[in-house]
Amino acid sequence: MQPIQALLHRIQSDREFSLARFVVGYYDRVAKTIVQVPFEHMSFEAREPFSFEVVDEEGVAHSIPLHRVREVYRNGELIWHRQP
């Protein structure tokens, strides 16, 4: 299994591969469940290579460490999964 950093980098940089619709599922420690977020709603900062940011429905930004990513879907198909 490839590291999540490598897969996310490929989604960002490979034009043909990234034409698909991606959804990333991460573990929310408060809700104790997997939260799925469309890739286009995620933002990455070069100074924070091991996390990404998402803004919730209330407009609050959350920094999510990459080690909490549990699954990645491409066009609805599971292409990457990490056991808890």
PDB file of N, CA and C in Angstrom:
ATOM      1  N   MET A   1       0.850  -1.177   0.000  1.00  0.00           N
ATOM      2  CA  MET A   1       0.000   0.000   0.000  1.00  0.00           C
ATOM      3  C   MET A   1       0.894   1.238   0.000  1.00  0.00           C
ATOM      4  N   GLN A   2       0.574   2.166  -0.849  1.00  0.00           N
ATOM      5  CA  GLN A   2       1.362   3.393  -0.918  1.00  0.00           C
ATOM      6  C   GLN A   2       1.004   4.325   0.234  1.00  0.00           C
ATOM      7  N   PRO A   3       1.942   5.139   0.675  1.00  0.00           N
ATOM      8  CA  PRO A   3       1.645   6.102   1.745  1.00  0.00           C
ATOM      9  C   PRO A   3       0.577   7.101   1.291  1.00  0.00           C
ATOM     10  N   ILE A   4      -0.223   7.561   2.241  1.00  0.00           N
ATOM     11  CA  ILE A   4      -1.288   8.508   1.912  1.00  0.00           C
ATOM     12  C   ILE A   4      -0.721   9.790   1.305  1.00  0.00           C
ATOM     13  N   GLN A   5       0.460  10.226   1.750  1.00  0.00           N
ATOM     14  CA  GLN A   5       1.066  11.429   1.180  1.00  0.00           C
ATOM     15  C   GLN A   5       1.296  11.265  -0.324  1.00  0.00           C
ATOM     16  N   ALA A   6       1.740  10.073  -0.742  1.00  0.00           N
ATOM     17  CA  ALA A   6       2.009   9.823  -2.159  1.00  0.00           C
ATOM     18  C   ALA A   6       0.709   9.848  -2.970  1.00  0.00           C
ATOM     19  N   LEU A   7      -0.344   9.248  -2.437  1.00  0.00           N
ATOM     20  CA  LEU A   7      -1.625   9.244  -3.145  1.00  0.00           C
ATOM     21  C   LEU A   7      -2.192  10.662  -3.264  1.00  0.00           C
ATOM     22  N   LEU A   8      -2.166  11.418  -2.186  1.00  0.00           N
ATOM     23  CA  LEU A   8      -2.685  12.795  -2.238  1.00  0.00           C
ATOM     24  C   LEU A   8      -1.873  13.653  -3.199  1.00  0.00           C
ATOM     25  N   HIS A   9      -0.564  13.446  -3.238  1.00  0.00           N
ATOM     26  CA  HIS A   9       0.281  14.186  -4.173  1.00  0.00           C
ATOM     27  C   HIS A   9      -0.091  13.820  -5.617  1.00  0.00           C
ATOM     28  N   ARG A  10      -0.344  12.532  -5.865  1.00  0.00           N
ATOM     29  CA  ARG A  10      -0.724  12.118  -7.213  1.00  0.00           C
ATOM     30  C   ARG A  10      -2.049  12.757  -7.618  1.00  0.00           C
ATOM     31  N   ILE A  11      -2.999  12.803  -6.704  1.00  0.00           N
ATOM     32  CA  ILE A  11      -4.289  13.432  -7.014  1.00  0.00           C
ATOM     33  C   ILE A  11      -4.080  14.901  -7.385  1.00  0.00           C
ATOM     34  N   GLN A  12      -3.169  15.565  -6.700  1.00  0.00           N
ATOM     35  CA  GLN A  12      -2.914  16.984  -6.962  1.00  0.00           C
ATOM     36  C   GLN A  12      -2.117  17.224  -8.239  1.00  0.00           C
ATOM     37  N   SER A  13      -1.252  16.289  -8.621  1.00  0.00           N
ATOM     38  CA  SER A  13      -0.305  16.587  -9.699  1.00  0.00           C
ATOM     39  C   SER A  13      -0.516  15.808 -10.992  1.00  0.00           C
ATOM     40  N   ASP A  14      -1.205  14.685 -10.973  1.00  0.00           N
ATOM     41  CA  ASP A  14      -1.402  13.863 -12.167  1.00  0.00           C
ATOM     42  C   ASP A  14      -2.713  14.281 -12.837  1.00  0.00           C
ATOM     43  N   ARG A  15      -2.597  15.006 -13.935  1.00  0.00           N
ATOM     44  CA  ARG A  15      -3.786  15.573 -14.594  1.00  0.00           C
ATOM     45  C   ARG A  15      -4.811  14.524 -14.992  1.00  0.00           C
ATOM     46  N   GLU A  16      -4.372  13.449 -15.592  1.00  0.00           N
ATOM     47  CA  GLU A  16      -5.306  12.424 -16.049  1.00  0.00           C
ATOM     48  C   GLU A  16      -5.972  11.715 -14.867  1.00  0.00           C
ATOM     49  N   PHE A  17      -5.191  11.328 -13.873  1.00  0.00           N
ATOM     50  CA  PHE A  17      -5.707  10.641 -12.694  1.00  0.00           C
ATOM     51  C   PHE A  17      -6.687  11.526 -11.934  1.00  0.00           C
ATOM     52  N   SER A  18      -6.389  12.814 -11.851  1.00  0.00           N
ATOM     53  CA  SER A  18      -7.196  13.729 -11.035  1.00  0.00           C
ATOM     54  C   SER A  18      -8.492  14.184 -11.701  1.00  0.00           C
ATOM     55  N   LEU A  19      -8.775  13.721 -12.903  1.00  0.00           N
ATOM     56  CA  LEU A  19     -10.043  14.067 -13.552  1.00  0.00           C
ATOM     57  C   LEU A  19     -11.221  13.403 -12.848  1.00  0.00           C
ATOM     58  N   ALA A  20     -10.946  12.399 -12.047  1.00  0.00           N
ATOM     59  CA  ALA A  20     -11.991  11.659 -11.327  1.00  0.00           C
ATOM     60  C   ALA A  20     -12.476  12.464 -10.122  1.00  0.00           C
ATOM     61  N   ARG A  21     -13.552  11.976  -9.518  1.00  0.00           N
ATOM     62  CA  ARG A  21     -14.080  12.581  -8.279  1.00  0.00           C
ATOM     63  C   ARG A  21     -13.532  11.788  -7.100  1.00  0.00           C
ATOM     64  N   PHE A  22     -12.833  12.494  -6.198  1.00  0.00           N
ATOM     65  CA  PHE A  22     -12.215  11.864  -5.041  1.00  0.00           C
ATOM     66  C   PHE A  22     -12.916  12.292  -3.758  1.00  0.00           C
ATOM     67  N   VAL A  23     -13.062  11.335  -2.856  1.00  0.00           N
ATOM     68  CA  VAL A  23     -13.609  11.584  -1.527  1.00  0.00           C
ATOM     69  C   VAL A  23     -12.650  10.944  -0.532  1.00  0.00           C
ATOM     70  N   VAL A  24     -12.292  11.705   0.496  1.00  0.00           N
ATOM     71  CA  VAL A  24     -11.374  11.228   1.529  1.00  0.00           C
ATOM     72  C   VAL A  24     -12.151  11.057   2.825  1.00  0.00           C
ATOM     73  N   GLY A  25     -11.981   9.916   3.463  1.00  0.00           N
ATOM     74  CA  GLY A  25     -12.618   9.656   4.743  1.00  0.00           C
ATOM     75  C   GLY A  25     -11.581   9.688   5.855  1.00  0.00           C
ATOM     76  N   TYR A  26     -11.824  10.511   6.859  1.00  0.00           N
ATOM     77  CA  TYR A  26     -10.905  10.587   7.995  1.00  0.00           C
ATOM     78  C   TYR A  26     -11.669  10.306   9.290  1.00  0.00           C
ATOM     79  N   TYR A  27     -10.937   9.846  10.287  1.00  0.00           N
ATOM     80  CA  TYR A  27     -11.542   9.518  11.570  1.00  0.00           C
ATOM     81  C   TYR A  27     -11.698  10.774  12.410  1.00  0.00           C
ATOM     82  N   ASP A  28     -12.925  11.055  12.799  1.00  0.00           N
ATOM     83  CA  ASP A  28     -13.227  12.190  13.676  1.00  0.00           C
ATOM     84  C   ASP A  28     -13.240  11.663  15.106  1.00  0.00           C
ATOM     85  N   ARG A  29     -12.287  12.104  15.917  1.00  0.00           N
ATOM     86  CA  ARG A  29     -12.147  11.607  17.286  1.00  0.00           C
ATOM     87  C   ARG A  29     -13.309  12.024  18.176  1.00  0.00           C
ATOM     88  N   VAL A  30     -13.925  13.160  17.922  1.00  0.00           N
ATOM     89  CA  VAL A  30     -15.036  13.623  18.749  1.00  0.00           C
ATOM     90  C   VAL A  30     -16.304  12.824  18.421  1.00  0.00           C
ATOM     91  N   ALA A  31     -16.626  12.726  17.148  1.00  0.00           N
ATOM     92  CA  ALA A  31     -17.824  12.002  16.724  1.00  0.00           C
ATOM     93  C   ALA A  31     -17.609  10.487  16.730  1.00  0.00           C
ATOM     94  N   LYS A  32     -16.349  10.064  16.795  1.00  0.00           N
ATOM     95  CA  LYS A  32     -15.989   8.639  16.780  1.00  0.00           C
ATOM     96  C   LYS A  32     -16.541   7.924  15.544  1.00  0.00           C
ATOM     97  N   THR A  33     -16.367   8.560  14.400  1.00  0.00           N
ATOM     98  CA  THR A  33     -16.844   8.010  13.135  1.00  0.00           C
ATOM     99  C   THR A  33     -15.954   8.502  11.999  1.00  0.00           C
ATOM    100  N   ILE A  34     -16.144   7.913  10.839  1.00  0.00           N
ATOM    101  CA  ILE A  34     -15.431   8.358   9.636  1.00  0.00           C
ATOM    102  C   ILE A  34     -16.241   9.482   8.996  1.00  0.00           C
ATOM    103  N   VAL A  35     -15.579  10.593   8.728  1.00  0.00           N
ATOM    104  CA  VAL A  35     -16.198  11.734   8.048  1.00  0.00           C
ATOM    105  C   VAL A  35     -15.654  11.752   6.630  1.00  0.00           C
ATOM    106  N   GLN A  36     -16.529  11.799   5.655  1.00  0.00           N
ATOM    107  CA  GLN A  36     -16.110  11.845   4.263  1.00  0.00           C
ATOM    108  C   GLN A  36     -16.195  13.272   3.750  1.00  0.00           C
ATOM    109  N   VAL A  37     -15.145  13.679   3.071  1.00  0.00           N
ATOM    110  CA  VAL A  37     -15.086  15.035   2.540  1.00  0.00           C
ATOM    111  C   VAL A  37     -14.584  14.979   1.090  1.00  0.00           C
ATOM    112  N   PRO A  38     -15.252  15.691   0.179  1.00  0.00           N
ATOM    113  CA  PRO A  38     -14.764  15.747  -1.200  1.00  0.00           C
ATOM    114  C   PRO A  38     -13.363  16.367  -1.241  1.00  0.00           C
ATOM    115  N   PHE A  39     -12.522  15.815  -2.096  1.00  0.00           N
ATOM    116  CA  PHE A  39     -11.140  16.291  -2.179  1.00  0.00           C
ATOM    117  C   PHE A  39     -11.073  17.793  -2.453  1.00  0.00           C
ATOM    118  N   GLU A  40     -11.982  18.303  -3.261  1.00  0.00           N
ATOM    119  CA  GLU A  40     -11.934  19.726  -3.610  1.00  0.00           C
ATOM    120  C   GLU A  40     -12.242  20.639  -2.424  1.00  0.00           C
ATOM    121  N   HIS A  41     -12.752  20.080  -1.323  1.00  0.00           N
ATOM    122  CA  HIS A  41     -13.021  20.869  -0.115  1.00  0.00           C
ATOM    123  C   HIS A  41     -11.842  20.861   0.851  1.00  0.00           C
ATOM    124  N   MET A  42     -10.780  20.147   0.488  1.00  0.00           N
ATOM    125  CA  MET A  42      -9.588  20.060   1.333  1.00  0.00           C
ATOM    126  C   MET A  42      -8.557  21.081   0.846  1.00  0.00           C
ATOM    127  N   SER A  43      -7.817  21.652   1.791  1.00  0.00           N
ATOM    128  CA  SER A  43      -6.725  22.545   1.397  1.00  0.00           C
ATOM    129  C   SER A  43      -5.442  22.079   2.076  1.00  0.00           C
ATOM    130  N   PHE A  44      -4.350  22.266   1.361  1.00  0.00           N
ATOM    131  CA  PHE A  44      -3.042  21.810   1.816  1.00  0.00           C
ATOM    132  C   PHE A  44      -2.094  23.003   1.855  1.00  0.00           C
ATOM    133  N   GLU A  45      -1.278  23.052   2.890  1.00  0.00           N
ATOM    134  CA  GLU A  45      -0.278  24.102   3.010  1.00  0.00           C
ATOM    135  C   GLU A  45       1.100  23.467   2.967  1.00  0.00           C
ATOM    136  N   ALA A  46       2.014  24.077   2.216  1.00  0.00           N
ATOM    137  CA  ALA A  46       3.363  23.533   2.075  1.00  0.00           C
ATOM    138  C   ALA A  46       4.084  23.436   3.420  1.00  0.00           C
ATOM    139  N   ARG A  47       3.798  24.344   4.326  1.00  0.00           N
ATOM    140  CA  ARG A  47       4.490  24.337   5.624  1.00  0.00           C
ATOM    141  C   ARG A  47       3.933  23.287   6.581  1.00  0.00           C
ATOM    142  N   GLU A  48       2.807  22.657   6.214  1.00  0.00           N
ATOM    143  CA  GLU A  48       2.183  21.611   7.032  1.00  0.00           C
ATOM    144  C   GLU A  48       2.024  20.344   6.175  1.00  0.00           C
ATOM    145  N   PRO A  49       3.117  19.631   5.890  1.00  0.00           N
ATOM    146  CA  PRO A  49       3.040  18.504   4.957  1.00  0.00           C
ATOM    147  C   PRO A  49       2.317  17.270   5.496  1.00  0.00           C
ATOM    148  N   PHE A  50       2.030  17.222   6.781  1.00  0.00           N
ATOM    149  CA  PHE A  50       1.410  16.030   7.356  1.00  0.00           C
ATOM    150  C   PHE A  50      -0.019  16.276   7.827  1.00  0.00           C
ATOM    151  N   SER A  51      -0.678  17.270   7.235  1.00  0.00           N
ATOM    152  CA  SER A  51      -2.073  17.541   7.581  1.00  0.00           C
ATOM    153  C   SER A  51      -2.743  18.282   6.426  1.00  0.00           C
ATOM    154  N   PHE A  52      -4.068  18.356   6.510  1.00  0.00           N
ATOM    155  CA  PHE A  52      -4.835  19.160   5.563  1.00  0.00           C
ATOM    156  C   PHE A  52      -5.896  19.891   6.362  1.00  0.00           C
ATOM    157  N   GLU A  53      -6.530  20.848   5.736  1.00  0.00           N
ATOM    158  CA  GLU A  53      -7.544  21.641   6.420  1.00  0.00           C
ATOM    159  C   GLU A  53      -8.879  21.483   5.715  1.00  0.00           C
ATOM    160  N   VAL A  54      -9.934  21.381   6.511  1.00  0.00           N
ATOM    161  CA  VAL A  54     -11.307  21.372   6.001  1.00  0.00           C
ATOM    162  C   VAL A  54     -12.117  22.363   6.818  1.00  0.00           C
ATOM    163  N   VAL A  55     -13.114  22.932   6.193  1.00  0.00           N
ATOM    164  CA  VAL A  55     -14.009  23.868   6.869  1.00  0.00           C
ATOM    165  C   VAL A  55     -15.350  23.160   7.029  1.00  0.00           C
ATOM    166  N   ASP A  56     -15.856  23.100   8.268  1.00  0.00           N
ATOM    167  CA  ASP A  56     -17.119  22.393   8.511  1.00  0.00           C
ATOM    168  C   ASP A  56     -18.316  23.243   8.087  1.00  0.00           C
ATOM    169  N   GLU A  57     -19.505  22.689   8.275  1.00  0.00           N
ATOM    170  CA  GLU A  57     -20.741  23.355   7.843  1.00  0.00           C
ATOM    171  C   GLU A  57     -20.994  24.678   8.552  1.00  0.00           C
ATOM    172  N   GLU A  58     -20.381  24.851   9.732  1.00  0.00           N
ATOM    173  CA  GLU A  58     -20.548  26.089  10.493  1.00  0.00           C
ATOM    174  C   GLU A  58     -19.464  27.117  10.173  1.00  0.00           C
ATOM    175  N   GLY A  59     -18.575  26.791   9.228  1.00  0.00           N
ATOM    176  CA  GLY A  59     -17.524  27.710   8.829  1.00  0.00           C
ATOM    177  C   GLY A  59     -16.268  27.647   9.676  1.00  0.00           C
ATOM    178  N   VAL A  60     -16.142  26.625  10.513  1.00  0.00           N
ATOM    179  CA  VAL A  60     -14.976  26.477  11.377  1.00  0.00           C
ATOM    180  C   VAL A  60     -13.939  25.603  10.671  1.00  0.00           C
ATOM    181  N   ALA A  61     -12.695  26.084  10.598  1.00  0.00           N
ATOM    182  CA  ALA A  61     -11.615  25.336   9.962  1.00  0.00           C
ATOM    183  C   ALA A  61     -11.029  24.327  10.938  1.00  0.00           C
ATOM    184  N   HIS A  62     -10.754  23.129  10.422  1.00  0.00           N
ATOM    185  CA  HIS A  62     -10.159  22.065  11.223  1.00  0.00           C
ATOM    186  C   HIS A  62      -8.918  21.547  10.510  1.00  0.00           C
ATOM    187  N   SER A  63      -7.833  21.379  11.251  1.00  0.00           N
ATOM    188  CA  SER A  63      -6.616  20.785  10.720  1.00  0.00           C
ATOM    189  C   SER A  63      -6.659  19.294  11.031  1.00  0.00           C
ATOM    190  N   ILE A  64      -6.565  18.474   9.988  1.00  0.00           N
ATOM    191  CA  ILE A  64      -6.676  17.030  10.129  1.00  0.00           C
ATOM    192  C   ILE A  64      -5.320  16.392   9.826  1.00  0.00           C
ATOM    193  N   PRO A  65      -4.726  15.703  10.790  1.00  0.00           N
ATOM    194  CA  PRO A  65      -3.450  15.017  10.521  1.00  0.00           C
ATOM    195  C   PRO A  65      -3.666  13.861   9.535  1.00  0.00           C
ATOM    196  N   LEU A  66      -2.706  13.644   8.670  1.00  0.00           N
ATOM    197  CA  LEU A  66      -2.840  12.597   7.664  1.00  0.00           C
ATOM    198  C   LEU A  66      -2.966  11.204   8.272  1.00  0.00           C
ATOM    199  N   HIS A  67      -2.448  11.003   9.483  1.00  0.00           N
ATOM    200  CA  HIS A  67      -2.560   9.670  10.081  1.00  0.00           C
ATOM    201  C   HIS A  67      -4.004   9.314  10.446  1.00  0.00           C
ATOM    202  N   ARG A  68      -4.912  10.287  10.397  1.00  0.00           N
ATOM    203  CA  ARG A  68      -6.324  10.010  10.669  1.00  0.00           C
ATOM    204  C   ARG A  68      -7.113   9.685   9.406  1.00  0.00           C
ATOM    205  N   VAL A  69      -6.481   9.782   8.235  1.00  0.00           N
ATOM    206  CA  VAL A  69      -7.147   9.394   6.986  1.00  0.00           C
ATOM    207  C   VAL A  69      -7.297   7.869   6.987  1.00  0.00           C
ATOM    208  N   ARG A  70      -8.497   7.392   6.741  1.00  0.00           N
ATOM    209  CA  ARG A  70      -8.782   5.958   6.770  1.00  0.00           C
ATOM    210  C   ARG A  70      -9.135   5.383   5.403  1.00  0.00           C
ATOM    211  N   GLU A  71      -9.646   6.230   4.482  1.00  0.00           N
ATOM    212  CA  GLU A  71     -10.075   5.707   3.191  1.00  0.00           C
ATOM    213  C   GLU A  71     -10.072   6.806   2.130  1.00  0.00           C
ATOM    214  N   VAL A  72      -9.883   6.376   0.885  1.00  0.00           N
ATOM    215  CA  VAL A  72      -9.952   7.291  -0.260  1.00  0.00           C
ATOM    216  C   VAL A  72     -10.759   6.586  -1.347  1.00  0.00           C
ATOM    217  N   TYR A  73     -11.729   7.305  -1.889  1.00  0.00           N
ATOM    218  CA  TYR A  73     -12.573   6.796  -2.960  1.00  0.00           C
ATOM    219  C   TYR A  73     -12.304   7.583  -4.231  1.00  0.00           C
ATOM    220  N   ARG A  74     -12.294   6.867  -5.354  1.00  0.00           N
ATOM    221  CA  ARG A  74     -12.166   7.491  -6.672  1.00  0.00           C
ATOM    222  C   ARG A  74     -13.390   7.076  -7.476  1.00  0.00           C
ATOM    223  N   ASN A  75     -14.214   8.047  -7.844  1.00  0.00           N
ATOM    224  CA  ASN A  75     -15.473   7.782  -8.553  1.00  0.00           C
ATOM    225  C   ASN A  75     -16.307   6.727  -7.829  1.00  0.00           C
ATOM    226  N   GLY A  76     -16.356   6.825  -6.509  1.00  0.00           N
ATOM    227  CA  GLY A  76     -17.172   5.928  -5.712  1.00  0.00           C
ATOM    228  C   GLY A  76     -16.539   4.585  -5.379  1.00  0.00           C
ATOM    229  N   GLU A  77     -15.367   4.301  -5.913  1.00  0.00           N
ATOM    230  CA  GLU A  77     -14.689   3.027  -5.670  1.00  0.00           C
ATOM    231  C   GLU A  77     -13.569   3.222  -4.650  1.00  0.00           C
ATOM    232  N   LEU A  78     -13.525   2.369  -3.651  1.00  0.00           N
ATOM    233  CA  LEU A  78     -12.487   2.432  -2.632  1.00  0.00           C
ATOM    234  C   LEU A  78     -11.147   2.074  -3.251  1.00  0.00           C
ATOM    235  N   ILE A  79     -10.182   3.014  -3.226  1.00  0.00           N
ATOM    236  CA  ILE A  79      -8.874   2.749  -3.831  1.00  0.00           C
ATOM    237  C   ILE A  79      -7.759   2.718  -2.784  1.00  0.00           C
ATOM    238  N   TRP A  80      -8.045   3.165  -1.578  1.00  0.00           N
ATOM    239  CA  TRP A  80      -7.026   3.187  -0.517  1.00  0.00           C
ATOM    240  C   TRP A  80      -7.737   3.048   0.815  1.00  0.00           C
ATOM    241  N   HIS A  81      -7.176   2.220   1.705  1.00  0.00           N
ATOM    242  CA  HIS A  81      -7.801   1.996   3.005  1.00  0.00           C
ATOM    243  C   HIS A  81      -6.706   1.688   4.018  1.00  0.00           C
ATOM    244  N   ARG A  82      -6.857   2.260   5.201  1.00  0.00           N
ATOM    245  CA  ARG A  82      -5.945   2.003   6.314  1.00  0.00           C
ATOM    246  C   ARG A  82      -6.766   1.462   7.475  1.00  0.00           C
ATOM    247  N   GLN A  83      -6.299   0.385   8.075  1.00  0.00           N
ATOM    248  CA  GLN A  83      -6.945  -0.153   9.261  1.00  0.00           C
ATOM    249  C   GLN A  83      -6.655   0.767  10.449  1.00  0.00           C
ATOM    250  N   PRO A  84      -7.616   0.890  11.370  1.00  0.00           N
ATOM    251  CA  PRO A  84      -7.391   1.736  12.554  1.00  0.00           C
ATOM    252  C   PRO A  84      -6.340   1.154  13.489  1.00  0.00           C
TER     253      PRO A  84
END
